[in-house]
Amino acid sequence: MTQDPALSVLQESAVPTHLLHTPAGPVDGTQTLRIALQLHPQCGEEALLARAYRLGEQPLAERIGRSPRSLDPDISPTAQATAAVRTFCAQHGFALERSALGGLFVTIAGKAAELAQAFGVELRAYQHQDRTFRAYAGCITLPAILAEHVRGVHGLDQAAALLTRAKGAKAAYTEPPTLDNNLPTVVAFDYYRYPSRWTGKGATVAFIESDLVIDLASVQAFYASLPVGPVNIVTVGGFAPIKPPEGGMQPIGPYLDGEAMMDLMLTGAVAPDSTLVVYAHSEHYGYAEPGWIDTLLEALDQPANPCQVMSISLGAPECDWVPQTAMAVHLLFAIASLYGVTVCVSSGDYGAPGNSNAYPQNCAFPASSPFCLACGGTELVLEAQTAPQPPKLVDEVVWNEMTAPYQKLATGGGISMMFQVPDFQQGLTLPAGFNTDPQTGAPQPPGRGVPDVAANASSKSGYGLDPEHKGHWYGTSAAAPMWAGLIALLVEGNGGLPIGYLNPWLYASQVNSGLNCCKPITEGDNGPPDWPVSFAAGAPWNACCGLGTPLGVNIANALGLGVTATE
């Protein structure tokens, strides 16, 4: 396709080429698409990110709670940018449907062929693994009227729809002695010393899920078996069958997925008086098609239930993301931090190699965003005791049940290729990455270390979440909601005020001040046997389990929330 020289290239808009190896035909140009234009904030993107980071460095007592309506005006786009979008839509006959976050994201709708022409791309269908999706080769280009105002154009492609959680695997080999079918209440309050005086009252936890069907009756039945609850659960969009997309694209979901139910059961068991709001990863809100941006906007932009905590058990290798989509999600996490939201994200279940062969070592995004509390996985080493005593915790090691690469059986972690070393990790000795530049052969530069923390994730010490306290529930998808449950308790302890962006404070407290907020994990690694790509455990931080597993009472005391050591 010949591109108009008056257009400006969006360099970060290219779909990763390894997703485009198998063309699958044309796209219906008459179908209506909704796309999101991401505009530049008046203050500049770097200033916005820096503002969020500085807030995370402040002591809890000095943080000022924010609401979606109290962001500084200079985070919004300029009036000229908004006017340019209106003019552009009028010129091309596109509908301007809605805006979010003070106009930072604007949804426009039009015919697929006309939108593609306006942004200088050719839309085609592609096949990747078992899914067919819409995408384009090359980069999006901006008309001159938008060039100085638009940061990203989201939704022409469907690559983000591929970046969802794979279904859980089962270990099929002999396991070392420990005990599974554990209860989250025992793990939280007996092993991780969560403060027991609080129940999460006044806290709201948002769950960012895929196009899923959940069985709320089973979730509530599990709560009743503990016994706690019933827990207040609100579902927002995406939990009923959806129509197949127009233009012959293969639908992705919905399907009954126990992992979304696991998220709810774990957090609700630990913080039963919190409100759990589940946002489906879908296109039902009218913002635009990419589910990540769509769903995060719904959770952040004047929701009926504003959250203080967010739990995400989704992700994919950094190299599989369209860069502009990842950077938009990263920006939304920074805005979440300014709202006082603590974002807990699972680090992935494929060990150091990840589930991509594009590079030897692959970190998962969004866990690699420095505005996320990236949650890795451990195995609890337990011994049985006489009933009714719970099992005794005798050790805790890195979760790694892999026998070969690319199995979904080990904690994700490593060195990011997307983000530089953040300030809160500058004092650590981070390991070198395993990757090289495919063009130059230069070694991977230093990057953000993943994860930040960890919690139980092994199938061998997994959770029994059926009403009979049986089952086989595991993965770092269990670690993120367990940390989210702890944060919900701390929100209650903070008088209902948010805890907010935790990483800078947590690293400073654990590494620099020696406040013992986490238990370091010093045994194990996250690579397959006899495989060169692996990171070893160790203190004070490692690329398997981060700073370690939570010592909840210590964290509460370090935050100044005043609990006793016996809680």
Protein backbone atom coordinates (compact mmCIF):
# COMPACT_ATOMS: atom_id res chain seq x y z
CA MET A 1 0.00 0.00 0.00
CA THR A 2 1.32 3.47 -0.92
CA GLN A 3 1.34 5.75 2.09
CA ASP A 4 0.49 9.43 1.99
CA PRO A 5 3.66 11.49 2.69
CA ALA A 6 1.56 13.83 4.83
CA LEU A 7 1.14 11.03 7.38
CA SER A 8 3.33 10.61 10.47
CA VAL A 9 4.51 7.11 11.38
CA LEU A 10 3.64 5.65 14.81
CA GLN A 11 6.79 3.61 15.34
CA GLU A 12 5.43 1.61 18.28
CA SER A 13 2.31 0.48 16.41
CA ALA A 14 3.86 -2.43 14.47
CA VAL A 15 2.36 -5.85 15.21
CA PRO A 16 5.19 -8.29 16.11
CA THR A 17 6.19 -9.98 12.86
CA HIS A 18 6.31 -13.48 14.37
CA LEU A 19 2.53 -13.25 14.81
CA LEU A 20 2.05 -12.54 11.09
CA HIS A 21 3.67 -15.58 9.49
CA THR A 22 0.37 -17.14 8.35
CA PRO A 23 -2.01 -14.89 6.37
CA ALA A 24 -5.60 -16.13 6.49
CA GLY A 25 -7.41 -13.99 3.93
CA PRO A 26 -9.07 -10.60 3.67
CA VAL A 27 -11.04 -8.70 6.27
CA ASP A 28 -14.60 -7.51 5.68
CA GLY A 29 -14.08 -3.82 4.99
CA THR A 30 -17.73 -2.98 5.63
CA GLN A 31 -17.75 -4.06 9.27
CA THR A 32 -17.91 -1.29 11.87
CA LEU A 33 -14.88 -1.01 14.13
CA ARG A 34 -14.44 1.00 17.29
CA ILE A 35 -10.91 2.22 17.89
CA ALA A 36 -9.38 4.23 20.72
CA LEU A 37 -7.22 7.26 20.04
CA GLN A 38 -4.79 7.82 22.90
CA LEU A 39 -3.92 11.51 23.16
CA HIS A 40 -0.87 13.11 24.75
CA PRO A 41 -1.40 14.52 28.26
CA GLN A 42 -0.68 18.23 28.59
CA CYS A 43 2.01 17.55 31.17
CA GLY A 44 3.76 15.02 28.94
CA GLU A 45 3.79 11.28 29.37
CA GLU A 46 7.15 11.16 31.14
CA ALA A 47 6.00 13.76 33.67
CA LEU A 48 2.85 11.74 34.36
CA LEU A 49 4.86 8.56 34.94
CA ALA A 50 7.31 10.42 37.19
CA ARG A 51 4.44 11.89 39.21
CA ALA A 52 3.03 8.43 39.85
CA TYR A 53 6.42 7.10 40.85
CA ARG A 54 7.03 9.95 43.32
CA LEU A 55 3.70 9.24 44.97
CA GLY A 56 4.83 5.65 45.52
CA GLU A 57 7.93 6.85 47.34
CA GLN A 58 5.94 8.83 49.91
CA PRO A 59 5.15 7.35 53.33
CA LEU A 60 1.58 6.13 53.60
CA ALA A 61 0.55 8.89 56.01
CA GLU A 62 1.68 11.56 53.53
CA ARG A 63 -0.17 10.22 50.51
CA ILE A 64 -3.23 12.13 49.44
CA GLY A 65 -6.13 9.95 48.32
CA ARG A 66 -7.34 10.68 44.84
CA SER A 67 -10.52 9.91 42.94
CA PRO A 68 -11.12 9.69 39.19
CA ARG A 69 -12.37 13.29 39.26
CA SER A 70 -9.40 14.74 41.12
CA LEU A 71 -6.56 14.14 38.69
CA ASP A 72 -4.60 17.25 37.87
CA PRO A 73 -6.04 19.02 34.80
CA ASP A 74 -2.70 18.90 32.98
CA ILE A 75 -3.04 15.12 32.67
CA SER A 76 -5.89 15.74 30.21
CA PRO A 77 -5.12 16.51 26.55
CA THR A 78 -5.14 20.06 25.25
CA ALA A 79 -8.26 21.67 23.85
CA GLN A 80 -6.48 21.82 20.49
CA ALA A 81 -6.02 18.03 20.55
CA THR A 82 -9.69 17.43 21.27
CA ALA A 83 -10.69 19.84 18.50
CA ALA A 84 -8.34 18.09 16.06
CA VAL A 85 -10.00 14.75 16.74
CA ARG A 86 -13.44 16.26 16.13
CA THR A 87 -12.30 17.77 12.85
CA PHE A 88 -10.68 14.52 11.75
CA CYS A 89 -13.88 12.59 12.46
CA ALA A 90 -15.99 15.13 10.58
CA GLN A 91 -13.68 15.00 7.57
CA HIS A 92 -13.88 11.20 7.33
CA GLY A 93 -17.44 10.59 8.50
CA PHE A 94 -16.37 8.75 11.64
CA ALA A 95 -18.51 8.83 14.79
CA LEU A 96 -16.94 10.23 17.95
CA GLU A 97 -18.62 8.02 20.53
CA ARG A 98 -17.12 8.71 23.94
CA SER A 99 -14.04 9.69 25.89
CA ALA A 100 -12.41 8.47 29.08
CA LEU A 101 -10.00 9.80 31.72
CA GLY A 102 -10.63 13.43 30.92
CA GLY A 103 -10.38 12.86 27.18
CA LEU A 104 -7.04 11.04 27.28
CA PHE A 105 -8.68 8.14 25.40
CA VAL A 106 -11.29 8.88 22.73
CA THR A 107 -13.37 6.23 20.97
CA ILE A 108 -14.25 6.68 17.31
CA ALA A 109 -16.23 4.32 15.08
CA GLY A 110 -16.20 3.74 11.34
CA LYS A 111 -16.04 1.15 8.59
CA ALA A 112 -12.96 -1.05 8.71
CA ALA A 113 -11.77 -0.17 5.21
CA GLU A 114 -12.19 3.56 5.78
CA LEU A 115 -10.38 3.50 9.13
CA ALA A 116 -7.56 1.47 7.61
CA GLN A 117 -7.18 3.95 4.77
CA ALA A 118 -7.24 6.92 7.13
CA PHE A 119 -4.39 5.42 9.17
CA GLY A 120 -2.36 4.05 6.28
CA VAL A 121 -2.59 0.30 6.83
CA GLU A 122 -4.09 -2.71 5.07
CA LEU A 123 -6.14 -4.94 7.35
CA ARG A 124 -5.90 -8.69 6.82
CA ALA A 125 -6.72 -11.85 8.73
CA TYR A 126 -3.85 -13.89 10.19
CA GLN A 127 -3.60 -17.26 11.87
CA HIS A 128 -1.48 -17.72 15.01
CA GLN A 129 -1.57 -21.08 16.73
CA ASP A 130 -5.28 -21.94 16.96
CA ARG A 131 -6.69 -18.44 16.56
CA THR A 132 -7.58 -16.17 13.65
CA PHE A 133 -7.31 -12.45 14.21
CA ARG A 134 -7.24 -9.10 12.41
CA ALA A 135 -3.95 -7.24 12.01
CA TYR A 136 -1.75 -5.32 9.60
CA ALA A 137 1.88 -5.37 8.51
CA GLY A 138 4.06 -2.33 9.15
CA CYS A 139 3.17 0.74 11.19
CA ILE A 140 0.12 2.92 11.57
CA THR A 141 0.51 6.42 10.20
CA LEU A 142 -1.21 9.58 11.38
CA PRO A 143 -2.76 12.30 9.23
CA ALA A 144 -1.13 15.67 9.72
CA ILE A 145 -4.10 16.98 11.70
CA LEU A 146 -3.53 14.30 14.39
CA ALA A 147 0.24 13.91 14.25
CA GLU A 148 1.17 16.16 17.18
CA HIS A 149 -1.76 15.11 19.36
CA VAL A 150 -2.11 11.30 19.15
CA ARG A 151 0.11 8.90 21.10
CA GLY A 152 -1.52 5.66 19.98
CA VAL A 153 -4.24 4.17 17.80
CA HIS A 154 -5.69 1.06 19.43
CA GLY A 155 -8.10 -1.46 17.97
CA LEU A 156 -7.28 -1.70 14.29
CA ASP A 157 -5.58 -4.97 15.20
CA GLN A 158 -6.80 -7.77 17.45
CA ALA A 159 -3.35 -8.89 18.62
CA ALA A 160 -4.21 -7.93 22.20
CA ALA A 161 -7.01 -10.50 22.16
CA LEU A 162 -4.37 -13.23 21.86
CA LEU A 163 -2.68 -12.13 25.05
CA THR A 164 -4.80 -14.01 27.56
CA ARG A 165 -4.15 -16.63 30.17
CA ALA A 166 -3.71 -20.18 28.91
CA LYS A 167 -5.69 -22.92 30.60
CA GLY A 168 -3.90 -24.55 33.53
CA ALA A 169 -1.81 -27.68 33.14
CA LYS A 170 -1.55 -30.65 35.47
CA ALA A 171 1.67 -32.16 36.73
CA ALA A 172 1.93 -35.77 35.52
CA TYR A 173 4.97 -37.07 37.33
CA THR A 174 5.96 -38.13 40.85
CA GLU A 175 6.12 -35.18 43.21
CA PRO A 176 8.31 -34.73 46.30
CA PRO A 177 6.51 -35.01 49.64
CA THR A 178 4.30 -32.11 50.63
CA LEU A 179 0.56 -31.56 51.00
CA ASP A 180 -1.96 -30.07 48.60
CA ASN A 181 -5.64 -29.15 49.03
CA ASN A 182 -4.63 -26.26 51.27
CA LEU A 183 -7.06 -23.58 52.38
CA PRO A 184 -6.30 -19.94 51.55
CA THR A 185 -7.26 -18.93 55.08
CA VAL A 186 -4.59 -21.24 56.53
CA VAL A 187 -1.95 -20.10 54.03
CA ALA A 188 -2.76 -16.44 54.66
CA PHE A 189 -3.22 -16.31 58.42
CA ASP A 190 -1.04 -19.22 59.62
CA TYR A 191 1.84 -19.22 57.15
CA TYR A 192 1.94 -15.64 55.84
CA ARG A 193 0.76 -13.98 59.08
CA TYR A 194 -1.92 -11.78 57.56
CA PRO A 195 -3.40 -9.51 60.26
CA SER A 196 -6.51 -11.29 61.52
CA ARG A 197 -8.27 -8.28 63.07
CA TRP A 198 -9.39 -7.06 59.63
CA THR A 199 -11.73 -8.60 57.06
CA GLY A 200 -11.39 -6.15 54.18
CA LYS A 201 -14.38 -4.04 55.17
CA GLY A 202 -14.54 -0.92 53.02
CA ALA A 203 -12.10 -2.25 50.42
CA THR A 204 -12.96 -2.91 46.78
CA VAL A 205 -10.87 -5.25 44.66
CA ALA A 206 -11.16 -5.14 40.86
CA PHE A 207 -10.39 -8.30 38.88
CA ILE A 208 -9.39 -7.92 35.24
CA GLU A 209 -10.47 -11.16 33.60
CA SER A 210 -10.88 -12.57 30.11
CA ASP A 211 -14.13 -13.30 28.23
CA LEU A 212 -15.17 -15.79 30.87
CA VAL A 213 -18.21 -17.51 32.30
CA ILE A 214 -18.05 -17.92 36.06
CA ASP A 215 -20.17 -20.04 38.38
CA LEU A 216 -20.94 -17.66 41.23
CA ALA A 217 -22.94 -20.32 43.08
CA SER A 218 -19.84 -22.51 43.33
CA VAL A 219 -17.76 -19.56 44.49
CA GLN A 220 -20.24 -18.72 47.25
CA ALA A 221 -20.50 -22.41 48.21
CA PHE A 222 -16.77 -22.46 48.80
CA TYR A 223 -16.99 -19.37 51.01
CA ALA A 224 -19.75 -21.00 53.03
CA SER A 225 -17.60 -24.09 53.60
CA LEU A 226 -14.89 -22.08 55.40
CA PRO A 227 -17.26 -20.59 56.74
CA VAL A 228 -17.22 -16.96 55.57
CA GLY A 229 -19.48 -14.84 53.45
CA PRO A 230 -21.52 -14.50 51.47
CA VAL A 231 -19.06 -12.17 49.75
CA ASN A 232 -20.32 -9.23 47.72
CA ILE A 233 -19.37 -9.95 44.09
CA VAL A 234 -20.26 -7.58 41.25
CA THR A 235 -19.78 -8.68 37.63
CA VAL A 236 -19.39 -6.08 34.90
CA GLY A 237 -19.77 -7.18 31.28
CA GLY A 238 -18.60 -10.17 29.33
CA PHE A 239 -20.13 -12.97 31.40
CA ALA A 240 -22.74 -14.04 28.86
CA PRO A 241 -22.16 -15.62 25.44
CA ILE A 242 -21.07 -13.05 22.88
CA LYS A 243 -21.83 -12.93 19.17
CA PRO A 244 -19.04 -14.03 16.80
CA PRO A 245 -17.10 -10.99 15.56
CA GLU A 246 -18.06 -9.55 12.21
CA GLY A 247 -15.98 -10.33 9.17
CA GLY A 248 -15.33 -14.01 9.83
CA MET A 249 -12.87 -13.55 12.67
CA GLN A 250 -12.67 -16.48 15.03
CA PRO A 251 -14.25 -15.63 18.40
CA ILE A 252 -12.01 -15.91 21.45
CA GLY A 253 -14.11 -17.08 24.38
CA PRO A 254 -16.15 -16.96 26.45
CA TYR A 255 -15.63 -20.25 28.25
CA LEU A 256 -16.06 -21.49 31.78
CA ASP A 257 -12.68 -20.92 33.38
CA GLY A 258 -11.91 -22.03 36.89
CA GLU A 259 -8.94 -19.67 37.20
CA ALA A 260 -11.18 -16.60 37.28
CA MET A 261 -13.21 -18.35 39.96
CA MET A 262 -9.95 -19.13 41.79
CA ASP A 263 -9.12 -15.41 41.85
CA LEU A 264 -12.43 -14.67 43.54
CA MET A 265 -12.28 -17.59 45.95
CA LEU A 266 -8.79 -16.74 47.19
CA THR A 267 -9.30 -13.01 47.72
CA GLY A 268 -12.81 -13.45 49.10
CA ALA A 269 -11.69 -16.10 51.57
CA VAL A 270 -8.95 -13.84 52.91
CA ALA A 271 -10.94 -10.57 52.85
CA PRO A 272 -14.61 -11.66 52.98
CA ASP A 273 -16.01 -8.23 53.81
CA SER A 274 -14.42 -6.59 50.77
CA THR A 275 -16.35 -5.98 47.55
CA LEU A 276 -15.08 -7.97 44.57
CA VAL A 277 -15.79 -6.39 41.18
CA VAL A 278 -15.07 -8.57 38.16
CA TYR A 279 -14.46 -6.83 34.84
CA ALA A 280 -14.59 -9.07 31.78
CA HIS A 281 -11.82 -8.64 29.26
CA SER A 282 -14.19 -7.79 26.42
CA GLU A 283 -15.40 -5.16 23.99
CA HIS A 284 -18.75 -4.50 25.65
CA TYR A 285 -18.10 -1.04 27.04
CA GLY A 286 -17.96 0.97 23.84
CA TYR A 287 -14.43 2.28 24.27
CA ALA A 288 -12.64 0.27 21.59
CA GLU A 289 -11.75 -3.28 20.63
CA PRO A 290 -8.49 -4.04 22.45
CA GLY A 291 -9.76 -5.74 25.59
CA TRP A 292 -6.87 -4.66 27.80
CA ILE A 293 -7.39 -0.95 27.28
CA ASP A 294 -11.17 -1.26 27.15
CA THR A 295 -11.43 -3.15 30.42
CA LEU A 296 -8.88 -1.09 32.33
CA LEU A 297 -10.67 2.09 31.28
CA GLU A 298 -13.93 0.66 32.55
CA ALA A 299 -12.33 -0.19 35.89
CA LEU A 300 -10.64 3.19 36.29
CA ASP A 301 -12.91 5.76 34.67
CA GLN A 302 -15.63 6.76 37.15
CA PRO A 303 -16.78 3.24 38.00
CA ALA A 304 -19.75 2.56 40.23
CA ASN A 305 -17.38 0.73 42.57
CA PRO A 306 -14.03 2.56 42.63
CA CYS A 307 -11.32 0.12 43.60
CA GLN A 308 -8.31 0.41 45.88
CA VAL A 309 -6.81 -2.89 44.70
CA MET A 310 -6.59 -4.56 41.29
CA SER A 311 -5.76 -8.23 40.68
CA ILE A 312 -4.70 -9.45 37.22
CA SER A 313 -3.85 -13.06 36.39
CA LEU A 314 -3.36 -12.47 32.66
CA GLY A 315 -0.36 -11.75 30.51
CA ALA A 316 1.94 -12.81 27.70
CA PRO A 317 5.62 -12.56 26.75
CA GLU A 318 6.74 -8.98 26.23
CA CYS A 319 7.77 -9.78 22.64
CA ASP A 320 4.18 -10.71 21.72
CA TRP A 321 2.76 -7.27 22.50
CA VAL A 322 2.23 -4.44 20.05
CA PRO A 323 4.49 -1.88 21.77
CA GLN A 324 1.95 0.95 21.70
CA THR A 325 -0.64 -1.30 23.36
CA ALA A 326 1.77 -2.28 26.12
CA MET A 327 2.77 1.34 26.70
CA ALA A 328 -0.89 2.37 26.91
CA VAL A 329 -1.53 -0.32 29.52
CA HIS A 330 1.61 0.82 31.39
CA LEU A 331 0.30 4.40 31.35
CA LEU A 332 -3.06 3.23 32.71
CA PHE A 333 -1.26 1.50 35.57
CA ALA A 334 0.50 4.79 36.35
CA ILE A 335 -2.88 6.52 36.41
CA ALA A 336 -4.16 3.74 38.67
CA SER A 337 -1.26 4.54 41.00
CA LEU A 338 -2.30 8.20 41.05
CA TYR A 339 -5.79 7.03 42.03
CA GLY A 340 -4.29 5.05 44.93
CA VAL A 341 -4.80 1.61 43.37
CA THR A 342 -2.38 -1.23 44.18
CA VAL A 343 -2.06 -3.39 41.04
CA CYS A 344 -1.14 -7.05 41.69
CA VAL A 345 -0.21 -9.09 38.59
CA SER A 346 0.88 -12.71 38.20
CA SER A 347 4.36 -13.16 36.70
CA GLY A 348 3.49 -16.17 34.53
CA ASP A 349 3.75 -19.94 34.84
CA TYR A 350 6.36 -20.87 32.21
CA GLY A 351 9.57 -20.30 34.14
CA ALA A 352 12.43 -18.18 32.86
CA PRO A 353 12.02 -19.25 29.20
CA GLY A 354 8.40 -18.10 29.10
CA ASN A 355 5.93 -19.42 26.55
CA SER A 356 7.59 -17.97 23.45
CA ASN A 357 10.61 -19.10 21.47
CA ALA A 358 11.17 -15.62 20.03
CA TYR A 359 13.88 -15.11 22.68
CA PRO A 360 15.61 -17.55 25.06
CA GLN A 361 14.20 -15.73 28.11
CA ASN A 362 10.82 -13.99 28.13
CA CYS A 363 9.31 -11.87 30.89
CA ALA A 364 5.54 -11.54 30.94
CA PHE A 365 3.80 -8.20 30.53
CA PRO A 366 1.90 -6.59 32.25
CA ALA A 367 3.78 -8.01 35.25
CA SER A 368 6.95 -6.33 33.97
CA SER A 369 5.43 -2.85 34.25
CA PRO A 370 7.18 -1.15 37.20
CA PHE A 371 3.76 0.14 38.33
CA CYS A 372 2.63 -3.44 39.01
CA LEU A 373 3.40 -5.57 42.04
CA ALA A 374 4.58 -8.61 40.05
CA CYS A 375 3.74 -11.81 41.91
CA GLY A 376 5.82 -14.96 41.41
CA GLY A 377 5.28 -18.41 42.83
CA THR A 378 6.59 -20.69 45.56
CA GLU A 379 6.04 -24.21 46.81
CA LEU A 380 5.08 -24.69 50.44
CA VAL A 381 6.90 -27.63 52.05
CA LEU A 382 4.38 -28.97 54.57
CA GLU A 383 4.14 -31.74 57.15
CA ALA A 384 0.89 -33.21 58.38
CA GLN A 385 -0.14 -32.69 61.98
CA THR A 386 -2.81 -34.29 64.12
CA ALA A 387 -6.28 -33.03 63.20
CA PRO A 388 -7.67 -30.45 63.58
CA GLN A 389 -4.27 -28.78 63.40
CA PRO A 390 -3.40 -27.52 59.90
CA PRO A 391 -0.25 -28.79 58.19
CA LYS A 392 3.01 -27.38 59.53
CA LEU A 393 5.07 -25.16 57.24
CA VAL A 394 8.67 -26.39 57.40
CA ASP A 395 10.13 -24.64 54.34
CA GLU A 396 9.26 -22.67 51.23
CA VAL A 397 11.09 -22.93 47.91
CA VAL A 398 10.79 -21.70 44.32
CA TRP A 399 7.87 -23.20 42.43
CA ASN A 400 9.39 -25.29 39.65
CA GLU A 401 7.85 -28.54 38.40
CA MET A 402 9.15 -28.28 34.84
CA THR A 403 10.71 -31.29 33.11
CA ALA A 404 11.14 -29.49 29.76
CA PRO A 405 10.92 -25.93 28.38
CA TYR A 406 7.57 -24.26 27.71
CA GLN A 407 5.64 -26.25 30.29
CA LYS A 408 3.17 -24.28 32.41
CA LEU A 409 4.76 -25.53 35.61
CA ALA A 410 7.15 -22.92 37.06
CA THR A 411 7.18 -19.34 38.27
CA GLY A 412 7.84 -16.75 35.62
CA GLY A 413 10.60 -14.25 36.19
CA GLY A 414 13.65 -12.68 34.64
CA ILE A 415 14.98 -9.43 33.21
CA SER A 416 12.67 -7.23 31.19
CA MET A 417 13.48 -6.17 27.65
CA MET A 418 10.71 -3.57 27.73
CA PHE A 419 11.59 -1.53 30.84
CA GLN A 420 14.83 -0.18 32.24
CA VAL A 421 15.88 -0.85 35.83
CA PRO A 422 13.48 1.23 37.96
CA ASP A 423 14.81 3.40 40.75
CA PHE A 424 13.48 1.05 43.42
CA GLN A 425 15.75 -1.75 42.10
CA GLN A 426 18.86 0.36 41.53
CA GLY A 427 20.48 -0.78 44.77
CA LEU A 428 20.17 -4.47 43.89
CA THR A 429 22.62 -6.65 42.02
CA LEU A 430 20.37 -7.87 39.22
CA PRO A 431 21.39 -10.85 37.10
CA ALA A 432 22.23 -10.44 33.43
CA GLY A 433 19.60 -11.40 30.89
CA PHE A 434 20.03 -14.26 28.42
CA ASN A 435 18.90 -12.50 25.24
CA THR A 436 20.77 -10.81 22.42
CA ASP A 437 19.71 -8.23 19.86
CA PRO A 438 18.55 -10.17 16.76
CA GLN A 439 20.11 -7.59 14.41
CA THR A 440 23.40 -6.72 16.12
CA GLY A 441 24.01 -9.66 18.44
CA ALA A 442 24.59 -7.22 21.31
CA PRO A 443 23.80 -8.61 24.77
CA GLN A 444 20.55 -7.69 26.45
CA PRO A 445 20.92 -4.42 28.39
CA PRO A 446 20.05 -4.21 32.10
CA GLY A 447 16.32 -4.15 32.74
CA ARG A 448 13.60 -4.29 35.35
CA GLY A 449 13.74 -7.45 37.41
CA VAL A 450 10.58 -9.57 37.64
CA PRO A 451 8.86 -10.50 39.97
CA ASP A 452 8.66 -8.25 43.02
CA VAL A 453 7.15 -10.72 45.50
CA ALA A 454 5.72 -14.24 45.58
CA ALA A 455 3.17 -16.55 47.19
CA ASN A 456 2.13 -20.19 47.05
CA ALA A 457 1.67 -21.35 43.45
CA SER A 458 2.79 -24.98 43.23
CA SER A 459 0.42 -27.78 42.28
CA LYS A 460 2.11 -29.86 44.96
CA SER A 461 1.04 -27.39 47.66
CA GLY A 462 -1.99 -26.15 45.75
CA TYR A 463 -5.35 -25.01 47.02
CA GLY A 464 -8.47 -27.08 47.68
CA LEU A 465 -11.19 -24.70 46.53
CA ASP A 466 -14.10 -27.06 46.06
CA PRO A 467 -16.73 -26.98 48.83
CA GLU A 468 -15.20 -30.28 50.02
CA HIS A 469 -11.79 -28.52 50.09
CA LYS A 470 -10.46 -30.65 47.27
CA GLY A 471 -9.24 -29.71 43.82
CA HIS A 472 -6.06 -28.87 42.01
CA TRP A 473 -5.70 -25.08 41.98
CA TYR A 474 -2.31 -23.49 41.48
CA GLY A 475 -0.12 -21.12 39.45
CA THR A 476 1.04 -17.54 39.88
CA SER A 477 -2.61 -16.81 39.08
CA ALA A 478 -3.08 -17.79 42.73
CA ALA A 479 -0.28 -15.54 44.00
CA ALA A 480 -1.73 -12.26 42.69
CA PRO A 481 -5.19 -12.59 44.33
CA MET A 482 -3.58 -13.67 47.61
CA TRP A 483 -1.52 -10.47 47.64
CA ALA A 484 -4.64 -8.54 46.62
CA GLY A 485 -6.42 -10.02 49.63
CA LEU A 486 -3.65 -8.79 51.92
CA ILE A 487 -3.86 -5.29 50.46
CA ALA A 488 -7.64 -5.32 51.00
CA LEU A 489 -7.06 -6.06 54.69
CA LEU A 490 -4.54 -3.21 54.88
CA VAL A 491 -7.04 -0.83 53.27
CA GLU A 492 -9.45 -1.52 56.13
CA GLY A 493 -6.61 -1.02 58.59
CA ASN A 494 -5.91 2.32 56.92
CA GLY A 495 -9.44 3.51 57.64
CA GLY A 496 -10.70 2.63 54.17
CA LEU A 497 -8.04 4.75 52.48
CA PRO A 498 -5.97 3.14 49.74
CA ILE A 499 -2.47 1.78 50.21
CA GLY A 500 -1.60 2.61 46.61
CA TYR A 501 1.54 2.03 44.61
CA LEU A 502 3.64 -0.21 46.83
CA ASN A 503 6.88 -1.05 45.02
CA PRO A 504 9.18 1.87 45.94
CA TRP A 505 8.13 1.72 49.60
CA LEU A 506 8.33 -2.08 49.82
CA TYR A 507 11.83 -2.32 48.33
CA ALA A 508 13.10 0.50 50.54
CA SER A 509 11.57 -1.08 53.64
CA GLN A 510 12.82 -4.60 52.93
CA VAL A 511 16.24 -3.93 51.42
CA ASN A 512 17.33 -0.60 52.86
CA SER A 513 15.59 -0.48 56.24
CA GLY A 514 15.60 -4.18 57.11
CA LEU A 515 11.97 -4.17 58.22
CA ASN A 516 11.47 -7.85 57.27
CA CYS A 517 8.28 -7.33 55.30
CA CYS A 518 8.87 -10.45 53.21
CA LYS A 519 10.47 -13.83 53.75
CA PRO A 520 13.25 -14.30 51.15
CA ILE A 521 13.16 -17.53 49.14
CA THR A 522 16.67 -18.95 48.87
CA GLU A 523 16.22 -22.44 47.42
CA GLY A 524 15.44 -23.44 43.85
CA ASP A 525 15.42 -21.94 40.35
CA ASN A 526 12.93 -21.33 37.54
CA GLY A 527 14.42 -23.17 34.58
CA PRO A 528 13.93 -26.65 33.11
CA PRO A 529 16.46 -29.35 34.10
CA ASP A 530 19.73 -29.15 32.16
CA TRP A 531 18.60 -25.97 30.43
CA PRO A 532 20.87 -22.91 30.22
CA VAL A 533 18.11 -20.33 30.79
CA SER A 534 17.34 -20.20 34.49
CA PHE A 535 17.56 -17.85 37.45
CA ALA A 536 18.52 -18.98 40.93
CA ALA A 537 16.90 -18.16 44.26
CA GLY A 538 18.67 -15.98 46.79
CA ALA A 539 18.43 -12.93 49.04
CA PRO A 540 17.61 -10.08 49.14
CA TRP A 541 15.92 -10.43 45.71
CA ASN A 542 15.83 -13.00 42.94
CA ALA A 543 14.22 -13.40 39.51
CA CYS A 544 12.05 -16.28 40.73
CA CYS A 545 10.31 -14.92 43.84
CA GLY A 546 11.43 -11.29 44.09
CA LEU A 547 11.74 -10.10 47.68
CA GLY A 548 9.89 -13.20 48.89
CA THR A 549 6.54 -14.12 50.39
CA PRO A 550 4.49 -11.79 52.60
CA LEU A 551 4.83 -11.36 56.33
CA GLY A 552 1.52 -9.58 56.64
CA VAL A 553 1.73 -8.31 60.22
CA ASN A 554 5.22 -6.92 59.55
CA ILE A 555 3.99 -5.09 56.45
CA ALA A 556 1.08 -3.61 58.40
CA ASN A 557 3.39 -2.41 61.16
CA ALA A 558 5.91 -1.00 58.70
CA LEU A 559 3.06 0.98 57.14
CA GLY A 560 2.21 2.35 60.57
CA LEU A 561 -1.10 0.51 60.91
CA GLY A 562 -0.36 -0.76 64.41
CA VAL A 563 -1.02 -4.49 64.76
CA THR A 564 0.44 -6.93 67.27
CA ALA A 565 2.93 -9.66 66.45
CA THR A 566 0.51 -12.34 67.68
CA GLU A 567 -2.25 -11.54 65.19
